[in-house]
All heavy atoms as atom14 arrays in JSON, in Angstrom:
{
  "sequence": "YPQMTVAANIGYGLKVRGLPKQEVEARVNDVAKLLGLEGYLSRRPST",
  "atom14_mask": [
    [1, 1, 1, 1, 1, 1, 1, 1, 1, 1, 1, 1, 0, 0],
    [1, 1, 1, 1, 1, 1, 1, 0, 0, 0, 0, 0, 0, 0],
    [1, 1, 1, 1, 1, 1, 1, 1, 1, 0, 0, 0, 0, 0],
    [1, 1, 1, 1, 1, 1, 1, 1, 0, 0, 0, 0, 0, 0],
    [1, 1, 1, 1, 1, 1, 1, 0, 0, 0, 0, 0, 0, 0],
    [1, 1, 1, 1, 1, 1, 1, 0, 0, 0, 0, 0, 0, 0],
    [1, 1, 1, 1, 1, 0, 0, 0, 0, 0, 0, 0, 0, 0],
    [1, 1, 1, 1, 1, 0, 0, 0, 0, 0, 0, 0, 0, 0],
    [1, 1, 1, 1, 1, 1, 1, 1, 0, 0, 0, 0, 0, 0],
    [1, 1, 1, 1, 1, 1, 1, 1, 0, 0, 0, 0, 0, 0],
    [1, 1, 1, 1, 0, 0, 0, 0, 0, 0, 0, 0, 0, 0],
    [1, 1, 1, 1, 1, 1, 1, 1, 1, 1, 1, 1, 0, 0],
    [1, 1, 1, 1, 0, 0, 0, 0, 0, 0, 0, 0, 0, 0],
    [1, 1, 1, 1, 1, 1, 1, 1, 0, 0, 0, 0, 0, 0],
    [1, 1, 1, 1, 1, 1, 1, 1, 1, 0, 0, 0, 0, 0],
    [1, 1, 1, 1, 1, 1, 1, 0, 0, 0, 0, 0, 0, 0],
    [1, 1, 1, 1, 1, 1, 1, 1, 1, 1, 1, 0, 0, 0],
    [1, 1, 1, 1, 0, 0, 0, 0, 0, 0, 0, 0, 0, 0],
    [1, 1, 1, 1, 1, 1, 1, 1, 0, 0, 0, 0, 0, 0],
    [1, 1, 1, 1, 1, 1, 1, 0, 0, 0, 0, 0, 0, 0],
    [1, 1, 1, 1, 1, 1, 1, 1, 1, 0, 0, 0, 0, 0],
    [1, 1, 1, 1, 1, 1, 1, 1, 1, 0, 0, 0, 0, 0],
    [1, 1, 1, 1, 1, 1, 1, 1, 1, 0, 0, 0, 0, 0],
    [1, 1, 1, 1, 1, 1, 1, 0, 0, 0, 0, 0, 0, 0],
    [1, 1, 1, 1, 1, 1, 1, 1, 1, 0, 0, 0, 0, 0],
    [1, 1, 1, 1, 1, 0, 0, 0, 0, 0, 0, 0, 0, 0],
    [1, 1, 1, 1, 1, 1, 1, 1, 1, 1, 1, 0, 0, 0],
    [1, 1, 1, 1, 1, 1, 1, 0, 0, 0, 0, 0, 0, 0],
    [1, 1, 1, 1, 1, 1, 1, 1, 0, 0, 0, 0, 0, 0],
    [1, 1, 1, 1, 1, 1, 1, 1, 0, 0, 0, 0, 0, 0],
    [1, 1, 1, 1, 1, 1, 1, 0, 0, 0, 0, 0, 0, 0],
    [1, 1, 1, 1, 1, 0, 0, 0, 0, 0, 0, 0, 0, 0],
    [1, 1, 1, 1, 1, 1, 1, 1, 1, 0, 0, 0, 0, 0],
    [1, 1, 1, 1, 1, 1, 1, 1, 0, 0, 0, 0, 0, 0],
    [1, 1, 1, 1, 1, 1, 1, 1, 0, 0, 0, 0, 0, 0],
    [1, 1, 1, 1, 0, 0, 0, 0, 0, 0, 0, 0, 0, 0],
    [1, 1, 1, 1, 1, 1, 1, 1, 0, 0, 0, 0, 0, 0],
    [1, 1, 1, 1, 1, 1, 1, 1, 1, 0, 0, 0, 0, 0],
    [1, 1, 1, 1, 0, 0, 0, 0, 0, 0, 0, 0, 0, 0],
    [1, 1, 1, 1, 1, 1, 1, 1, 1, 1, 1, 1, 0, 0],
    [1, 1, 1, 1, 1, 1, 1, 1, 0, 0, 0, 0, 0, 0],
    [1, 1, 1, 1, 1, 1, 0, 0, 0, 0, 0, 0, 0, 0],
    [1, 1, 1, 1, 1, 1, 1, 1, 1, 1, 1, 0, 0, 0],
    [1, 1, 1, 1, 1, 1, 1, 1, 1, 1, 1, 0, 0, 0],
    [1, 1, 1, 1, 1, 1, 1, 0, 0, 0, 0, 0, 0, 0],
    [1, 1, 1, 1, 1, 1, 0, 0, 0, 0, 0, 0, 0, 0],
    [1, 1, 1, 1, 1, 1, 1, 0, 0, 0, 0, 0, 0, 0]
  ],
  "atom14_positions": [
    [[192.34, 44.24, 145.22], [192.67, 44.03, 146.64], [194.09, 44.53, 146.88], [195.05, 43.95, 146.37], [192.54, 42.56, 147.01], [191.13, 42.02, 146.86], [190.78, 41.23, 145.78], [190.16, 42.32, 147.82], [189.48, 40.75, 145.64], [188.86, 41.83, 147.68], [188.53, 41.06, 146.6], [187.25, 40.58, 146.47], [0.0, 0.0, 0.0], [0.0, 0.0, 0.0]],
    [[194.26, 45.61, 147.66], [195.59, 46.22, 147.8], [196.61, 45.33, 148.49], [197.81, 45.45, 148.25], [195.31, 47.48, 148.62], [194.02, 47.2, 149.34], [193.23, 46.33, 148.43], [0.0, 0.0, 0.0], [0.0, 0.0, 0.0], [0.0, 0.0, 0.0], [0.0, 0.0, 0.0], [0.0, 0.0, 0.0], [0.0, 0.0, 0.0], [0.0, 0.0, 0.0]],
    [[196.15, 44.41, 149.37], [197.08, 43.57, 150.11], [197.55, 42.36, 149.31], [198.47, 41.65, 149.72], [196.43, 43.11, 151.41], [195.36, 42.02, 151.28], [194.0, 42.57, 150.89], [193.87, 43.71, 150.47], [192.96, 41.75, 151.05], [0.0, 0.0, 0.0], [0.0, 0.0, 0.0], [0.0, 0.0, 0.0], [0.0, 0.0, 0.0], [0.0, 0.0, 0.0]],
    [[196.92, 42.13, 148.14], [197.26, 40.96, 147.32], [198.2, 41.35, 146.19], [198.19, 42.48, 145.71], [195.99, 40.34, 146.72], [195.03, 39.73, 147.71], [193.66, 38.94, 146.81], [192.66, 38.37, 148.2], [0.0, 0.0, 0.0], [0.0, 0.0, 0.0], [0.0, 0.0, 0.0], [0.0, 0.0, 0.0], [0.0, 0.0, 0.0], [0.0, 0.0, 0.0]],
    [[198.96, 40.38, 145.74], [199.82, 40.59, 144.57], [198.96, 40.61, 143.31], [197.76, 40.28, 143.33], [200.85, 39.48, 144.44], [200.16, 38.24, 144.22], [201.72, 39.38, 145.68], [0.0, 0.0, 0.0], [0.0, 0.0, 0.0], [0.0, 0.0, 0.0], [0.0, 0.0, 0.0], [0.0, 0.0, 0.0], [0.0, 0.0, 0.0], [0.0, 0.0, 0.0]],
    [[199.57, 41.0, 142.19], [198.88, 40.97, 140.91], [198.39, 39.57, 140.59], [197.24, 39.37, 140.18], [199.81, 41.49, 139.79], [199.22, 41.2, 138.41], [200.06, 42.98, 139.96], [0.0, 0.0, 0.0], [0.0, 0.0, 0.0], [0.0, 0.0, 0.0], [0.0, 0.0, 0.0], [0.0, 0.0, 0.0], [0.0, 0.0, 0.0], [0.0, 0.0, 0.0]],
    [[199.23, 38.58, 140.82], [198.84, 37.19, 140.55], [197.64, 36.78, 141.39], [196.7, 36.13, 140.9], [200.02, 36.25, 140.81], [0.0, 0.0, 0.0], [0.0, 0.0, 0.0], [0.0, 0.0, 0.0], [0.0, 0.0, 0.0], [0.0, 0.0, 0.0], [0.0, 0.0, 0.0], [0.0, 0.0, 0.0], [0.0, 0.0, 0.0], [0.0, 0.0, 0.0]],
    [[197.65, 37.16, 142.67], [196.55, 36.8, 143.57], [195.26, 37.51, 143.16], [194.17, 36.94, 143.25], [196.92, 37.13, 145.01], [0.0, 0.0, 0.0], [0.0, 0.0, 0.0], [0.0, 0.0, 0.0], [0.0, 0.0, 0.0], [0.0, 0.0, 0.0], [0.0, 0.0, 0.0], [0.0, 0.0, 0.0], [0.0, 0.0, 0.0], [0.0, 0.0, 0.0]],
    [[195.37, 38.78, 142.72], [194.19, 39.51, 142.26], [193.58, 38.85, 141.02], [192.36, 38.65, 140.95], [194.55, 40.96, 141.95], [194.35, 41.89, 143.13], [193.23, 42.28, 143.46], [195.46, 42.24, 143.79], [0.0, 0.0, 0.0], [0.0, 0.0, 0.0], [0.0, 0.0, 0.0], [0.0, 0.0, 0.0], [0.0, 0.0, 0.0], [0.0, 0.0, 0.0]],
    [[194.42, 38.5, 140.06], [193.91, 37.88, 138.83], [193.27, 36.54, 139.13], [192.23, 36.18, 138.57], [195.05, 37.74, 137.8], [195.52, 39.11, 137.33], [194.59, 36.9, 136.6], [196.74, 39.07, 136.42], [0.0, 0.0, 0.0], [0.0, 0.0, 0.0], [0.0, 0.0, 0.0], [0.0, 0.0, 0.0], [0.0, 0.0, 0.0], [0.0, 0.0, 0.0]],
    [[193.86, 35.79, 140.02], [193.37, 34.44, 140.29], [192.36, 34.33, 141.41], [191.89, 33.22, 141.7], [0.0, 0.0, 0.0], [0.0, 0.0, 0.0], [0.0, 0.0, 0.0], [0.0, 0.0, 0.0], [0.0, 0.0, 0.0], [0.0, 0.0, 0.0], [0.0, 0.0, 0.0], [0.0, 0.0, 0.0], [0.0, 0.0, 0.0], [0.0, 0.0, 0.0]],
    [[191.97, 35.47, 142.01], [191.1, 35.41, 143.19], [189.76, 34.73, 142.89], [189.3, 33.86, 143.64], [190.86, 36.81, 143.74], [189.99, 36.82, 144.96], [190.47, 36.41, 146.19], [188.65, 37.22, 144.88], [189.66, 36.4, 147.32], [187.83, 37.2, 146.0], [188.34, 36.79, 147.22], [187.54, 36.79, 148.33], [0.0, 0.0, 0.0], [0.0, 0.0, 0.0]],
    [[189.12, 35.11, 141.79], [187.82, 34.53, 141.46], [187.9, 33.04, 141.22], [186.98, 32.29, 141.56], [0.0, 0.0, 0.0], [0.0, 0.0, 0.0], [0.0, 0.0, 0.0], [0.0, 0.0, 0.0], [0.0, 0.0, 0.0], [0.0, 0.0, 0.0], [0.0, 0.0, 0.0], [0.0, 0.0, 0.0], [0.0, 0.0, 0.0], [0.0, 0.0, 0.0]],
    [[189.01, 32.6, 140.64], [189.19, 31.17, 140.39], [189.39, 30.42, 141.7], [188.88, 29.3, 141.88], [190.4, 30.96, 139.47], [190.38, 31.72, 138.14], [191.67, 31.48, 137.37], [189.17, 31.3, 137.31], [0.0, 0.0, 0.0], [0.0, 0.0, 0.0], [0.0, 0.0, 0.0], [0.0, 0.0, 0.0], [0.0, 0.0, 0.0], [0.0, 0.0, 0.0]],
    [[190.14, 31.05, 142.61], [190.39, 30.42, 143.91], [189.09, 30.27, 144.7], [188.84, 29.22, 145.32], [191.39, 31.27, 144.7], [191.77, 30.69, 146.05], [192.78, 31.59, 146.76], [193.11, 31.06, 148.16], [194.07, 31.95, 148.86], [0.0, 0.0, 0.0], [0.0, 0.0, 0.0], [0.0, 0.0, 0.0], [0.0, 0.0, 0.0], [0.0, 0.0, 0.0]],
    [[188.25, 31.32, 144.66], [186.97, 31.27, 145.37], [186.08, 30.16, 144.83], [185.32, 29.52, 145.58], [186.26, 32.64, 145.27], [184.82, 32.56, 145.75], [187.02, 33.7, 146.07], [0.0, 0.0, 0.0], [0.0, 0.0, 0.0], [0.0, 0.0, 0.0], [0.0, 0.0, 0.0], [0.0, 0.0, 0.0], [0.0, 0.0, 0.0], [0.0, 0.0, 0.0]],
    [[186.17, 29.93, 143.52], [185.35, 28.87, 142.9], [185.91, 27.49, 143.16], [185.31, 26.48, 142.78], [185.27, 29.11, 141.39], [184.39, 30.31, 141.04], [184.62, 30.8, 139.63], [184.32, 29.79, 138.63], [184.54, 29.96, 137.33], [185.07, 31.09, 136.89], [184.24, 29.01, 136.46], [0.0, 0.0, 0.0], [0.0, 0.0, 0.0], [0.0, 0.0, 0.0]],
    [[187.06, 27.41, 143.82], [187.59, 26.11, 144.22], [188.36, 25.38, 143.16], [188.51, 24.14, 143.24], [0.0, 0.0, 0.0], [0.0, 0.0, 0.0], [0.0, 0.0, 0.0], [0.0, 0.0, 0.0], [0.0, 0.0, 0.0], [0.0, 0.0, 0.0], [0.0, 0.0, 0.0], [0.0, 0.0, 0.0], [0.0, 0.0, 0.0], [0.0, 0.0, 0.0]],
    [[188.89, 26.09, 142.15], [189.68, 25.43, 141.12], [191.02, 24.96, 141.7], [191.55, 25.58, 142.62], [189.93, 26.37, 139.94], [188.9, 26.31, 138.8], [187.54, 26.81, 139.29], [189.38, 27.14, 137.62], [0.0, 0.0, 0.0], [0.0, 0.0, 0.0], [0.0, 0.0, 0.0], [0.0, 0.0, 0.0], [0.0, 0.0, 0.0], [0.0, 0.0, 0.0]],
    [[191.57, 23.88, 141.18], [192.86, 23.39, 141.67], [193.95, 24.46, 141.51], [193.93, 25.26, 140.57], [193.15, 22.17, 140.77], [191.82, 21.76, 140.25], [191.0, 23.0, 140.15], [0.0, 0.0, 0.0], [0.0, 0.0, 0.0], [0.0, 0.0, 0.0], [0.0, 0.0, 0.0], [0.0, 0.0, 0.0], [0.0, 0.0, 0.0], [0.0, 0.0, 0.0]],
    [[194.91, 24.43, 142.43], [195.96, 25.44, 142.46], [196.74, 25.49, 141.15], [197.06, 26.57, 140.64], [196.9, 25.15, 143.62], [197.99, 26.2, 143.79], [198.86, 25.9, 145.01], [199.95, 26.95, 145.16], [200.81, 26.67, 146.35], [0.0, 0.0, 0.0], [0.0, 0.0, 0.0], [0.0, 0.0, 0.0], [0.0, 0.0, 0.0], [0.0, 0.0, 0.0]],
    [[197.04, 24.34, 140.59], [197.81, 24.3, 139.34], [197.04, 24.94, 138.18], [197.62, 25.65, 137.34], [198.2, 22.87, 138.99], [199.29, 22.29, 139.88], [199.73, 20.92, 139.42], [198.97, 20.2, 138.77], [200.97, 20.55, 139.73], [0.0, 0.0, 0.0], [0.0, 0.0, 0.0], [0.0, 0.0, 0.0], [0.0, 0.0, 0.0], [0.0, 0.0, 0.0]],
    [[195.73, 24.71, 138.14], [194.91, 25.29, 137.08], [194.83, 26.81, 137.24], [194.89, 27.56, 136.26], [193.5, 24.68, 137.08], [192.64, 25.2, 135.93], [191.28, 24.54, 135.87], [191.07, 23.51, 136.55], [190.42, 25.05, 135.12], [0.0, 0.0, 0.0], [0.0, 0.0, 0.0], [0.0, 0.0, 0.0], [0.0, 0.0, 0.0], [0.0, 0.0, 0.0]],
    [[194.7, 27.27, 138.5], [194.67, 28.71, 138.76], [195.97, 29.35, 138.29], [195.96, 30.38, 137.6], [194.44, 28.99, 140.26], [194.61, 30.48, 140.55], [193.06, 28.51, 140.7], [0.0, 0.0, 0.0], [0.0, 0.0, 0.0], [0.0, 0.0, 0.0], [0.0, 0.0, 0.0], [0.0, 0.0, 0.0], [0.0, 0.0, 0.0], [0.0, 0.0, 0.0]],
    [[197.09, 28.76, 138.64], [198.39, 29.31, 138.24], [198.54, 29.34, 136.72], [199.06, 30.31, 136.15], [199.51, 28.49, 138.87], [199.64, 28.68, 140.38], [200.78, 27.84, 140.95], [201.4, 27.06, 140.18], [201.04, 27.97, 142.16], [0.0, 0.0, 0.0], [0.0, 0.0, 0.0], [0.0, 0.0, 0.0], [0.0, 0.0, 0.0], [0.0, 0.0, 0.0]],
    [[198.07, 28.28, 136.07], [198.18, 28.22, 134.6], [197.35, 29.32, 133.95], [197.81, 30.0, 133.02], [197.75, 26.84, 134.11], [0.0, 0.0, 0.0], [0.0, 0.0, 0.0], [0.0, 0.0, 0.0], [0.0, 0.0, 0.0], [0.0, 0.0, 0.0], [0.0, 0.0, 0.0], [0.0, 0.0, 0.0], [0.0, 0.0, 0.0], [0.0, 0.0, 0.0]],
    [[196.12, 29.52, 134.44], [195.26, 30.55, 133.86], [195.82, 31.94, 134.13], [195.79, 32.82, 133.26], [193.85, 30.45, 134.44], [193.02, 29.35, 133.84], [191.54, 29.73, 133.92], [190.69, 28.58, 133.96], [189.38, 28.62, 134.11], [188.79, 29.8, 134.28], [188.66, 27.53, 134.12], [0.0, 0.0, 0.0], [0.0, 0.0, 0.0], [0.0, 0.0, 0.0]],
    [[196.34, 32.16, 135.34], [196.92, 33.46, 135.69], [198.1, 33.76, 134.77], [198.23, 34.87, 134.25], [197.36, 33.49, 137.17], [198.22, 34.73, 137.45], [196.13, 33.5, 138.07], [0.0, 0.0, 0.0], [0.0, 0.0, 0.0], [0.0, 0.0, 0.0], [0.0, 0.0, 0.0], [0.0, 0.0, 0.0], [0.0, 0.0, 0.0], [0.0, 0.0, 0.0]],
    [[198.95, 32.78, 134.54], [200.11, 32.98, 133.67], [199.69, 33.26, 132.23], [200.29, 34.11, 131.55], [201.04, 31.77, 133.72], [201.77, 31.66, 135.06], [202.04, 32.67, 135.71], [202.08, 30.44, 135.47], [0.0, 0.0, 0.0], [0.0, 0.0, 0.0], [0.0, 0.0, 0.0], [0.0, 0.0, 0.0], [0.0, 0.0, 0.0], [0.0, 0.0, 0.0]],
    [[198.66, 32.56, 131.76], [198.16, 32.78, 130.39], [197.61, 34.2, 130.24], [197.87, 34.88, 129.25], [197.07, 31.77, 130.05], [197.62, 30.36, 129.83], [198.86, 30.24, 129.64], [196.83, 29.4, 129.87], [0.0, 0.0, 0.0], [0.0, 0.0, 0.0], [0.0, 0.0, 0.0], [0.0, 0.0, 0.0], [0.0, 0.0, 0.0], [0.0, 0.0, 0.0]],
    [[196.83, 34.63, 131.24], [196.23, 35.98, 131.19], [197.31, 37.05, 131.29], [197.27, 38.06, 130.59], [195.18, 36.14, 132.31], [194.75, 37.6, 132.43], [193.97, 35.25, 132.04], [0.0, 0.0, 0.0], [0.0, 0.0, 0.0], [0.0, 0.0, 0.0], [0.0, 0.0, 0.0], [0.0, 0.0, 0.0], [0.0, 0.0, 0.0], [0.0, 0.0, 0.0]],
    [[198.29, 36.82, 132.16], [199.38, 37.78, 132.31], [200.15, 37.94, 131.0], [200.53, 39.06, 130.62], [200.32, 37.34, 133.42], [0.0, 0.0, 0.0], [0.0, 0.0, 0.0], [0.0, 0.0, 0.0], [0.0, 0.0, 0.0], [0.0, 0.0, 0.0], [0.0, 0.0, 0.0], [0.0, 0.0, 0.0], [0.0, 0.0, 0.0], [0.0, 0.0, 0.0]],
    [[200.36, 36.85, 130.3], [201.04, 36.92, 129.01], [200.2, 37.66, 127.99], [200.71, 38.48, 127.21], [201.35, 35.49, 128.53], [202.16, 35.46, 127.24], [202.5, 34.02, 126.85], [203.33, 34.0, 125.56], [203.67, 32.61, 125.17], [0.0, 0.0, 0.0], [0.0, 0.0, 0.0], [0.0, 0.0, 0.0], [0.0, 0.0, 0.0], [0.0, 0.0, 0.0]],
    [[198.9, 37.41, 128.0], [197.97, 38.07, 127.08], [197.98, 39.59, 127.26], [197.92, 40.35, 126.29], [196.56, 37.52, 127.29], [195.43, 38.11, 126.43], [195.62, 37.73, 124.96], [194.07, 37.64, 126.94], [0.0, 0.0, 0.0], [0.0, 0.0, 0.0], [0.0, 0.0, 0.0], [0.0, 0.0, 0.0], [0.0, 0.0, 0.0], [0.0, 0.0, 0.0]],
    [[198.1, 40.04, 128.53], [197.99, 41.46, 128.85], [199.35, 42.12, 129.09], [199.39, 43.3, 129.47], [197.11, 41.65, 130.09], [195.65, 41.21, 129.93], [194.93, 41.3, 131.27], [194.94, 42.08, 128.9], [0.0, 0.0, 0.0], [0.0, 0.0, 0.0], [0.0, 0.0, 0.0], [0.0, 0.0, 0.0], [0.0, 0.0, 0.0], [0.0, 0.0, 0.0]],
    [[200.42, 41.39, 128.9], [201.74, 41.97, 129.12], [202.05, 42.25, 130.57], [202.73, 43.23, 130.9], [0.0, 0.0, 0.0], [0.0, 0.0, 0.0], [0.0, 0.0, 0.0], [0.0, 0.0, 0.0], [0.0, 0.0, 0.0], [0.0, 0.0, 0.0], [0.0, 0.0, 0.0], [0.0, 0.0, 0.0], [0.0, 0.0, 0.0], [0.0, 0.0, 0.0]],
    [[201.58, 41.39, 131.46], [201.78, 41.58, 132.9], [202.73, 40.54, 133.51], [202.82, 40.44, 134.74], [200.43, 41.51, 133.63], [199.43, 42.64, 133.34], [198.07, 42.3, 133.94], [199.93, 43.96, 133.89], [0.0, 0.0, 0.0], [0.0, 0.0, 0.0], [0.0, 0.0, 0.0], [0.0, 0.0, 0.0], [0.0, 0.0, 0.0], [0.0, 0.0, 0.0]],
    [[203.46, 39.82, 132.67], [204.3, 38.73, 133.2], [205.29, 39.22, 134.25], [205.55, 38.52, 135.24], [205.08, 38.04, 132.08], [204.23, 37.5, 130.95], [204.28, 38.4, 129.74], [204.01, 39.61, 129.91], [204.61, 37.92, 128.64], [0.0, 0.0, 0.0], [0.0, 0.0, 0.0], [0.0, 0.0, 0.0], [0.0, 0.0, 0.0], [0.0, 0.0, 0.0]],
    [[205.84, 40.41, 134.06], [206.86, 40.91, 134.98], [206.31, 41.58, 136.22], [207.09, 42.11, 137.04], [0.0, 0.0, 0.0], [0.0, 0.0, 0.0], [0.0, 0.0, 0.0], [0.0, 0.0, 0.0], [0.0, 0.0, 0.0], [0.0, 0.0, 0.0], [0.0, 0.0, 0.0], [0.0, 0.0, 0.0], [0.0, 0.0, 0.0], [0.0, 0.0, 0.0]],
    [[204.98, 41.58, 136.39], [204.37, 42.3, 137.52], [203.61, 41.39, 138.47], [202.98, 41.87, 139.41], [203.41, 43.37, 136.98], [204.06, 44.36, 136.05], [204.05, 44.14, 134.68], [204.69, 45.5, 136.54], [204.66, 45.04, 133.8], [205.28, 46.41, 135.69], [205.27, 46.18, 134.32], [205.87, 47.07, 133.47], [0.0, 0.0, 0.0], [0.0, 0.0, 0.0]],
    [[203.66, 40.09, 138.27], [202.81, 39.17, 139.02], [203.08, 39.2, 140.52], [202.18, 38.94, 141.33], [202.96, 37.74, 138.48], [202.37, 37.51, 137.08], [202.69, 36.1, 136.59], [200.86, 37.74, 137.11], [0.0, 0.0, 0.0], [0.0, 0.0, 0.0], [0.0, 0.0, 0.0], [0.0, 0.0, 0.0], [0.0, 0.0, 0.0], [0.0, 0.0, 0.0]],
    [[204.31, 39.49, 140.92], [204.63, 39.49, 142.35], [204.47, 40.86, 143.0], [204.67, 41.0, 144.21], [206.07, 39.0, 142.55], [206.99, 39.87, 141.9], [0.0, 0.0, 0.0], [0.0, 0.0, 0.0], [0.0, 0.0, 0.0], [0.0, 0.0, 0.0], [0.0, 0.0, 0.0], [0.0, 0.0, 0.0], [0.0, 0.0, 0.0], [0.0, 0.0, 0.0]],
    [[204.09, 41.85, 142.21], [203.94, 43.21, 142.76], [202.52, 43.45, 143.25], [201.59, 42.73, 142.9], [204.34, 44.24, 141.7], [205.83, 44.2, 141.39], [206.22, 45.03, 140.19], [205.85, 46.44, 140.33], [206.21, 47.38, 139.46], [206.94, 47.05, 138.39], [205.85, 48.63, 139.65], [0.0, 0.0, 0.0], [0.0, 0.0, 0.0], [0.0, 0.0, 0.0]],
    [[202.38, 44.5, 144.08], [201.06, 44.88, 144.59], [200.51, 46.07, 143.8], [201.27, 46.83, 143.2], [201.15, 45.19, 146.08], [201.28, 43.92, 146.92], [201.3, 44.21, 148.42], [201.13, 42.98, 149.17], [202.06, 42.04, 149.33], [203.25, 42.19, 148.76], [201.81, 40.96, 150.02], [0.0, 0.0, 0.0], [0.0, 0.0, 0.0], [0.0, 0.0, 0.0]],
    [[199.18, 46.25, 143.79], [198.57, 47.3, 142.97], [199.13, 48.7, 143.23], [199.21, 49.51, 142.3], [197.09, 47.22, 143.36], [196.89, 45.79, 143.75], [198.16, 45.39, 144.43], [0.0, 0.0, 0.0], [0.0, 0.0, 0.0], [0.0, 0.0, 0.0], [0.0, 0.0, 0.0], [0.0, 0.0, 0.0], [0.0, 0.0, 0.0], [0.0, 0.0, 0.0]],
    [[199.52, 49.0, 144.47], [200.0, 50.34, 144.79], [201.28, 50.7, 144.05], [201.63, 51.88, 143.93], [200.22, 50.48, 146.31], [201.19, 49.54, 146.75], [0.0, 0.0, 0.0], [0.0, 0.0, 0.0], [0.0, 0.0, 0.0], [0.0, 0.0, 0.0], [0.0, 0.0, 0.0], [0.0, 0.0, 0.0], [0.0, 0.0, 0.0], [0.0, 0.0, 0.0]],
    [[202.0, 49.71, 143.54], [203.27, 49.96, 142.83], [203.07, 50.05, 141.32], [204.04, 50.21, 140.59], [204.28, 48.86, 143.13], [203.83, 47.62, 142.55], [204.47, 48.68, 144.63], [0.0, 0.0, 0.0], [0.0, 0.0, 0.0], [0.0, 0.0, 0.0], [0.0, 0.0, 0.0], [0.0, 0.0, 0.0], [0.0, 0.0, 0.0], [0.0, 0.0, 0.0]]
  ]
}
């Protein structure tokens, strides 16, 4: 989703499923660390 940040893109499916916000953030941070994306979570795909 071009209008969403990296964090929002990674967590979109979890948000749609209605998971608590804290759990979504925790999973997004874990996945970002796994893939080396920690420094890009606030950026948009076009960048």
